[in-house]
Amino acid sequence: MTQNNQRLLEVKNLKKYFPIQKGFFRKTVGNVRAVDDVSFFVNEGETLGLVGESGCGKTTTSRCILRAMPPSSGEMLFRTKEGNVVDLAKLNRSELHPLRVQMQMIFQDPYGSLNPRMTLFDIVGEPLLVNGMTNRKEREQRVAELLKLVGLRPEYLQRFPHAFSGGQRQRIGIARALSVNPRLVVADEPVSALDVSVQAQILNLMLDLQKRMNLTYLFVAHNLSVVRHFCDRVAVMYVGKIVELSDTLELYAAPQHPYTAALMSAVPVADPRIKTGNVELKGEVPSPANPPSGCYFHPRCEYAVDKCKQDAPVFREIKPNHFVACHRAGELKLPGIG
């Protein structure tokens, strides 16, 4: 895992609301706050993990960054190859087109993300064709190089996706994402659909490619064991908000938010003498269409006080590079993973 101090992406106060409409005239009566005032940055060459329970807004955040969907408000400052800083949130379709090659995505489902009617040459070569490589022989040579890069044989060029296993299909997806030499790669749970042994192979491949190509990853996941191995820093999301952000080692050793500690307690430890699962999360995740007052986590938090129920906590830095949104951060002694 490499790291540079120069910021490649900085997200400020990002929001994505989906309107709730009712009646014959489709009147808007509320909003689903899928992403609610999220801020973070990603340094060039590092891997930032985005974790949380299902439905907390991780994938929506990543899709807004790639402009697969427009954000409701906020800034997404991206530093281009030329060194210019542009706000992705304000660009129209034609202005975004030349930046697409610098931001690519690896999808979660290696089966649904590949067109079954296209060969490997068509799948991996399509981004090259779209971006101006019209010579077929040049594309064949480039696709063959990419297949070698991800551990597949160039002879597979004319095969269809059904001839490959799940792990091989994900390698094809990685080759497609890297075909245009991107700088930022958003990986949306890229190993969650794979067997455990294959997961390790894909993760090690991604780490190797990061070193070779100086890639920057935004790694969306819910498997905290994978995140611990793969990421330099981790941002924890809950109901559309980031509740904690820190270096991976510090976050796992000394979490400052009760929700983070609860997630950590579910991570299995390879030592039979260590008990896990001591922190139990009670209740259900609140609806982003009708979140509770104050801290969104207070109905499930055993440490909640009256202030938590009334006032929303400020996302603040309590240690160098350790940010948390909790009124009681610093005074609680929460269990982590050493």
Protein backbone atom coordinates (compact mmCIF):
# COMPACT_ATOMS: atom_id res chain seq x y z
CA MET A 1 0.00 0.00 0.00
CA THR A 2 1.58 3.21 -1.19
CA GLN A 3 0.66 6.68 -0.09
CA ASN A 4 1.24 10.22 -1.23
CA ASN A 5 0.40 13.40 0.62
CA GLN A 6 -1.11 15.05 -2.45
CA ARG A 7 -4.90 14.86 -2.47
CA LEU A 8 -6.43 13.30 -5.55
CA LEU A 9 -10.06 13.64 -4.42
CA GLU A 10 -11.71 15.80 -1.78
CA VAL A 11 -15.41 15.47 -1.03
CA LYS A 12 -17.08 18.32 0.87
CA ASN A 13 -20.61 18.24 2.32
CA LEU A 14 -21.87 15.74 -0.25
CA LYS A 15 -25.61 15.09 -0.18
CA LYS A 16 -27.83 12.85 -2.25
CA TYR A 17 -31.56 12.99 -1.52
CA PHE A 18 -34.22 10.97 -3.31
CA PRO A 19 -37.65 12.67 -3.23
CA ILE A 20 -40.67 10.83 -1.81
CA GLN A 21 -43.67 11.60 -4.00
CA LYS A 22 -47.32 10.85 -3.34
CA GLY A 23 -50.70 11.52 -4.90
CA PHE A 24 -51.92 12.02 -8.44
CA PHE A 25 -49.80 15.13 -8.93
CA ARG A 26 -46.69 13.40 -7.49
CA LYS A 27 -46.22 16.00 -4.78
CA THR A 28 -42.93 15.74 -2.90
CA VAL A 29 -43.70 15.03 0.77
CA GLY A 30 -40.19 14.20 1.98
CA ASN A 31 -36.74 12.91 1.06
CA VAL A 32 -34.71 9.76 1.50
CA ARG A 33 -31.36 11.05 2.77
CA ALA A 34 -29.17 8.38 1.18
CA VAL A 35 -26.01 10.51 1.59
CA ASP A 36 -26.30 13.24 4.20
CA ASP A 37 -23.45 15.78 4.44
CA VAL A 38 -20.44 13.53 3.84
CA SER A 39 -16.86 14.92 3.77
CA PHE A 40 -13.55 13.09 3.28
CA PHE A 41 -10.44 13.11 1.10
CA VAL A 42 -8.34 10.50 -0.68
CA ASN A 43 -4.59 10.96 -1.13
CA GLU A 44 -2.90 9.92 -4.35
CA GLY A 45 -1.68 6.32 -4.20
CA GLU A 46 -3.62 5.31 -1.07
CA THR A 47 -6.65 3.14 -0.40
CA LEU A 48 -9.59 4.57 1.53
CA GLY A 49 -12.10 2.03 2.81
CA LEU A 50 -15.79 2.96 3.06
CA VAL A 51 -17.57 0.58 5.45
CA GLY A 52 -20.92 0.21 7.18
CA GLU A 53 -24.09 -1.86 7.27
CA SER A 54 -26.11 -2.48 4.13
CA GLY A 55 -28.12 0.57 3.13
CA CYS A 56 -25.90 3.13 4.87
CA GLY A 57 -25.06 5.00 1.64
CA LYS A 58 -21.66 3.57 0.66
CA THR A 59 -22.52 2.69 -2.93
CA THR A 60 -24.57 5.84 -3.46
CA THR A 61 -21.58 7.91 -2.32
CA SER A 62 -19.26 6.14 -4.76
CA ARG A 63 -21.70 6.51 -7.65
CA CYS A 64 -22.08 10.22 -6.98
CA ILE A 65 -18.29 10.60 -7.07
CA LEU A 66 -18.16 8.89 -10.47
CA ARG A 67 -21.18 10.97 -11.55
CA ALA A 68 -23.14 7.83 -12.35
CA MET A 69 -25.84 9.80 -10.55
CA PRO A 70 -25.93 13.56 -9.90
CA PRO A 71 -25.46 14.71 -6.27
CA SER A 72 -28.10 16.91 -4.63
CA SER A 73 -25.44 19.29 -3.30
CA GLY A 74 -21.81 19.47 -2.19
CA GLU A 75 -18.40 19.56 -3.83
CA MET A 76 -16.26 16.75 -5.28
CA LEU A 77 -12.85 18.24 -6.04
CA PHE A 78 -10.77 16.02 -8.34
CA ARG A 79 -7.18 16.73 -9.38
CA THR A 80 -6.68 15.86 -13.06
CA LYS A 81 -3.56 14.53 -14.78
CA GLU A 82 -2.80 18.07 -15.86
CA GLY A 83 -2.79 19.23 -12.23
CA ASN A 84 -6.04 21.19 -12.42
CA VAL A 85 -8.62 20.83 -9.64
CA VAL A 86 -12.18 20.54 -10.94
CA ASP A 87 -15.50 20.18 -9.12
CA LEU A 88 -17.10 17.04 -10.57
CA ALA A 89 -20.47 18.03 -9.12
CA LYS A 90 -20.75 21.08 -11.40
CA LEU A 91 -19.66 19.54 -14.71
CA ASN A 92 -22.13 18.74 -17.47
CA ARG A 93 -22.02 15.60 -19.60
CA SER A 94 -19.67 16.95 -22.25
CA GLU A 95 -17.28 18.35 -19.65
CA LEU A 96 -17.23 15.03 -17.79
CA HIS A 97 -16.42 12.95 -20.88
CA PRO A 98 -12.64 13.60 -20.99
CA LEU A 99 -12.42 12.86 -17.24
CA ARG A 100 -14.12 9.47 -17.45
CA VAL A 101 -10.85 7.76 -18.38
CA GLN A 102 -9.31 8.96 -15.12
CA MET A 103 -12.07 7.46 -12.94
CA GLN A 104 -13.20 3.86 -13.34
CA MET A 105 -15.21 1.31 -11.36
CA ILE A 106 -14.87 -2.36 -10.45
CA PHE A 107 -18.35 -3.79 -9.86
CA GLN A 108 -19.55 -6.14 -7.14
CA ASP A 109 -21.16 -8.84 -9.29
CA PRO A 110 -18.70 -10.51 -11.69
CA TYR A 111 -21.62 -12.20 -13.45
CA GLY A 112 -24.07 -9.33 -13.97
CA SER A 113 -21.38 -6.77 -14.87
CA LEU A 114 -20.17 -8.59 -18.02
CA ASN A 115 -22.25 -8.74 -21.21
CA PRO A 116 -22.74 -12.47 -22.00
CA ARG A 117 -22.98 -11.72 -25.73
CA MET A 118 -19.55 -10.06 -25.92
CA THR A 119 -16.14 -11.72 -26.10
CA LEU A 120 -13.25 -10.74 -23.82
CA PHE A 121 -11.81 -8.69 -26.66
CA ASP A 122 -15.06 -6.72 -26.98
CA ILE A 123 -15.54 -6.30 -23.21
CA VAL A 124 -12.02 -5.12 -22.38
CA GLY A 125 -11.49 -3.34 -25.70
CA GLU A 126 -14.72 -1.34 -25.70
CA PRO A 127 -13.38 1.48 -23.46
CA LEU A 128 -10.38 1.75 -25.79
CA LEU A 129 -12.62 2.00 -28.85
CA VAL A 130 -14.85 4.62 -27.20
CA ASN A 131 -11.79 6.69 -26.35
CA GLY A 132 -10.29 6.75 -29.83
CA MET A 133 -8.30 3.52 -30.38
CA THR A 134 -9.98 2.54 -33.66
CA ASN A 135 -7.21 0.29 -35.01
CA ARG A 136 -8.28 -3.29 -34.29
CA LYS A 137 -4.74 -4.72 -34.14
CA GLU A 138 -3.69 -2.09 -31.62
CA ARG A 139 -6.70 -2.92 -29.49
CA GLU A 140 -5.98 -6.65 -29.67
CA GLN A 141 -2.41 -6.04 -28.57
CA ARG A 142 -3.51 -3.80 -25.69
CA VAL A 143 -6.22 -6.23 -24.53
CA ALA A 144 -3.72 -9.11 -24.62
CA GLU A 145 -1.36 -7.08 -22.43
CA LEU A 146 -4.18 -6.32 -19.99
CA LEU A 147 -5.19 -9.97 -19.74
CA LYS A 148 -1.59 -10.91 -18.91
CA LEU A 149 -1.52 -8.12 -16.33
CA VAL A 150 -4.50 -9.58 -14.44
CA GLY A 151 -3.36 -13.20 -14.70
CA LEU A 152 -5.33 -14.43 -17.72
CA ARG A 153 -4.02 -15.95 -20.96
CA PRO A 154 -4.14 -13.86 -24.16
CA GLU A 155 -5.54 -16.89 -26.00
CA TYR A 156 -8.84 -16.25 -24.21
CA LEU A 157 -9.51 -13.15 -26.33
CA GLN A 158 -12.37 -14.65 -28.34
CA ARG A 159 -14.05 -16.52 -25.47
CA PHE A 160 -17.31 -15.47 -23.87
CA PRO A 161 -17.83 -14.81 -20.12
CA HIS A 162 -19.76 -18.07 -19.53
CA ALA A 163 -16.49 -19.97 -20.02
CA PHE A 164 -14.93 -18.45 -16.90
CA SER A 165 -15.27 -18.83 -13.14
CA GLY A 166 -16.32 -16.02 -10.81
CA GLY A 167 -12.73 -15.13 -9.91
CA GLN A 168 -11.69 -15.07 -13.57
CA ARG A 169 -14.69 -12.90 -14.43
CA GLN A 170 -13.65 -10.40 -11.77
CA ARG A 171 -10.17 -10.33 -13.30
CA ILE A 172 -11.83 -9.45 -16.61
CA GLY A 173 -13.70 -6.63 -14.88
CA ILE A 174 -10.45 -5.34 -13.41
CA ALA A 175 -8.77 -5.46 -16.83
CA ARG A 176 -11.66 -3.47 -18.31
CA ALA A 177 -11.39 -0.83 -15.57
CA LEU A 178 -7.62 -0.48 -16.08
CA SER A 179 -7.75 -0.41 -19.88
CA VAL A 180 -7.78 3.41 -20.03
CA ASN A 181 -5.09 3.91 -17.35
CA PRO A 182 -7.30 5.51 -14.66
CA ARG A 183 -5.97 7.33 -11.62
CA LEU A 184 -8.94 6.70 -9.30
CA VAL A 185 -10.58 3.27 -9.14
CA VAL A 186 -13.81 2.81 -7.17
CA ALA A 187 -14.12 -0.84 -6.10
CA ASP A 188 -17.69 -1.57 -4.98
CA GLU A 189 -17.38 -4.70 -2.83
CA PRO A 190 -15.26 -6.41 -5.53
CA VAL A 191 -14.73 -9.68 -3.62
CA SER A 192 -17.97 -10.13 -1.67
CA ALA A 193 -19.43 -12.51 -4.30
CA LEU A 194 -16.32 -14.71 -4.45
CA ASP A 195 -15.07 -17.72 -2.48
CA VAL A 196 -12.71 -16.92 0.39
CA SER A 197 -9.62 -18.38 -1.32
CA VAL A 198 -10.41 -16.46 -4.52
CA GLN A 199 -10.98 -13.27 -2.51
CA ALA A 200 -7.36 -13.37 -1.32
CA GLN A 201 -6.11 -13.80 -4.90
CA ILE A 202 -8.12 -10.83 -6.18
CA LEU A 203 -7.09 -8.58 -3.28
CA ASN A 204 -3.40 -9.43 -3.74
CA LEU A 205 -3.77 -8.76 -7.47
CA MET A 206 -5.30 -5.35 -6.75
CA LEU A 207 -2.47 -4.49 -4.34
CA ASP A 208 0.12 -5.51 -6.90
CA LEU A 209 -1.57 -3.42 -9.61
CA GLN A 210 -1.73 -0.45 -7.26
CA LYS A 211 2.07 -0.55 -6.84
CA ARG A 212 2.71 -1.03 -10.55
CA MET A 213 0.34 1.66 -11.82
CA ASN A 214 0.22 4.06 -8.84
CA LEU A 215 -3.52 3.57 -8.51
CA THR A 216 -5.75 5.21 -5.92
CA TYR A 217 -8.61 3.09 -4.56
CA LEU A 218 -11.91 3.98 -2.96
CA PHE A 219 -12.76 0.56 -1.55
CA VAL A 220 -16.41 0.01 -0.62
CA ALA A 221 -16.96 -3.02 1.64
CA HIS A 222 -18.72 -4.46 4.64
CA ASN A 223 -16.18 -7.20 5.44
CA LEU A 224 -13.98 -5.56 8.07
CA SER A 225 -11.38 -8.33 7.93
CA VAL A 226 -10.80 -7.56 4.26
CA VAL A 227 -10.70 -3.81 4.92
CA ARG A 228 -8.12 -4.26 7.68
CA HIS A 229 -5.79 -6.05 5.27
CA PHE A 230 -6.38 -3.82 2.26
CA CYS A 231 -6.91 -0.19 3.29
CA ASP A 232 -4.66 2.63 4.52
CA ARG A 233 -7.54 4.59 6.08
CA VAL A 234 -11.14 3.72 6.88
CA ALA A 235 -14.34 5.80 6.91
CA VAL A 236 -17.30 4.32 8.81
CA MET A 237 -20.79 5.27 7.55
CA TYR A 238 -24.12 5.08 9.35
CA VAL A 239 -27.44 6.18 7.83
CA GLY A 240 -25.84 8.39 5.20
CA LYS A 241 -23.25 10.03 7.48
CA ILE A 242 -19.58 9.34 8.20
CA VAL A 243 -19.30 8.76 11.96
CA GLU A 244 -15.58 7.98 12.16
CA LEU A 245 -12.52 8.32 9.92
CA SER A 246 -8.97 7.31 10.80
CA ASP A 247 -5.87 5.33 9.87
CA THR A 248 -6.69 1.64 9.71
CA LEU A 249 -4.41 0.46 12.51
CA GLU A 250 -5.58 3.14 14.94
CA LEU A 251 -9.25 2.67 14.10
CA TYR A 252 -9.11 -1.06 14.73
CA ALA A 253 -7.02 -0.76 17.89
CA ALA A 254 -8.89 2.15 19.50
CA PRO A 255 -12.29 3.01 17.97
CA GLN A 256 -13.85 6.20 19.32
CA HIS A 257 -17.44 5.77 18.15
CA PRO A 258 -19.74 3.13 19.73
CA TYR A 259 -20.98 2.07 16.29
CA THR A 260 -17.42 1.40 15.11
CA ALA A 261 -16.75 -0.62 18.27
CA ALA A 262 -19.88 -2.68 17.62
CA LEU A 263 -18.73 -3.45 14.08
CA MET A 264 -15.27 -4.40 15.37
CA SER A 265 -16.74 -6.86 17.85
CA ALA A 266 -18.15 -8.87 14.94
CA VAL A 267 -14.72 -9.39 13.35
CA PRO A 268 -13.44 -12.92 14.07
CA VAL A 269 -9.98 -13.11 15.64
CA ALA A 270 -7.66 -16.05 14.93
CA ASP A 271 -7.11 -16.79 18.62
CA PRO A 272 -9.43 -19.13 20.57
CA ARG A 273 -8.54 -17.38 23.83
CA ILE A 274 -9.96 -14.05 22.68
CA LYS A 275 -13.71 -13.60 22.95
CA THR A 276 -15.49 -11.54 20.28
CA GLY A 277 -19.03 -10.35 19.84
CA ASN A 278 -19.20 -8.59 23.22
CA VAL A 279 -20.95 -5.49 21.84
CA GLU A 280 -24.53 -6.13 20.83
CA LEU A 281 -26.38 -3.73 18.54
CA LYS A 282 -30.00 -3.44 19.63
CA GLY A 283 -32.90 -2.33 17.49
CA GLU A 284 -33.01 -1.69 13.75
CA VAL A 285 -31.20 0.72 11.47
CA PRO A 286 -33.40 3.87 11.24
CA SER A 287 -34.92 4.82 7.91
CA PRO A 288 -33.00 7.52 6.01
CA ALA A 289 -36.41 8.92 5.08
CA ASN A 290 -37.19 9.58 8.75
CA PRO A 291 -33.96 9.63 10.78
CA PRO A 292 -34.09 10.23 14.56
CA SER A 293 -33.26 13.58 16.12
CA GLY A 294 -29.80 14.37 17.43
CA CYS A 295 -27.27 11.61 16.81
CA TYR A 296 -28.72 9.09 14.36
CA PHE A 297 -27.16 6.24 16.35
CA HIS A 298 -28.56 7.17 19.78
CA PRO A 299 -31.60 4.77 19.73
CA ARG A 300 -29.16 1.83 19.51
CA CYS A 301 -26.32 3.22 21.63
CA GLU A 302 -25.86 2.02 25.22
CA TYR A 303 -23.73 5.11 25.99
CA ALA A 304 -26.31 7.69 24.83
CA VAL A 305 -27.12 10.64 27.11
CA ASP A 306 -29.76 13.37 26.79
CA LYS A 307 -27.47 15.52 24.62
CA CYS A 308 -27.20 12.68 22.10
CA LYS A 309 -30.97 12.65 21.69
CA GLN A 310 -31.25 16.39 21.10
CA ASP A 311 -28.12 17.69 19.35
CA ALA A 312 -26.42 16.32 16.24
CA PRO A 313 -22.71 15.69 16.95
CA VAL A 314 -20.06 17.63 15.04
CA PHE A 315 -17.61 15.66 12.91
CA ARG A 316 -14.37 16.74 14.61
CA GLU A 317 -10.71 15.81 14.86
CA ILE A 318 -9.97 14.37 18.31
CA LYS A 319 -6.48 13.08 17.45
CA PRO A 320 -4.17 13.79 14.50
CA ASN A 321 -5.97 12.43 11.42
CA HIS A 322 -8.67 10.80 13.57
CA PHE A 323 -12.15 12.27 13.07
CA VAL A 324 -15.33 11.23 14.85
CA ALA A 325 -18.94 12.41 15.19
CA CYS A 326 -19.77 11.56 18.80
CA HIS A 327 -20.50 13.77 21.82
CA ARG A 328 -18.69 11.37 24.14
CA ALA A 329 -15.66 10.67 21.96
CA GLY A 330 -12.49 10.63 24.05
CA GLU A 331 -14.17 9.82 27.35
CA LEU A 332 -15.36 6.32 26.43
CA LYS A 333 -13.05 3.30 26.56
CA LEU A 334 -14.29 1.16 23.67
CA PRO A 335 -12.98 -2.30 22.76
CA GLY A 336 -11.00 -2.66 19.55
CA ILE A 337 -8.89 -5.28 17.84
CA GLY A 338 -5.22 -5.19 18.75
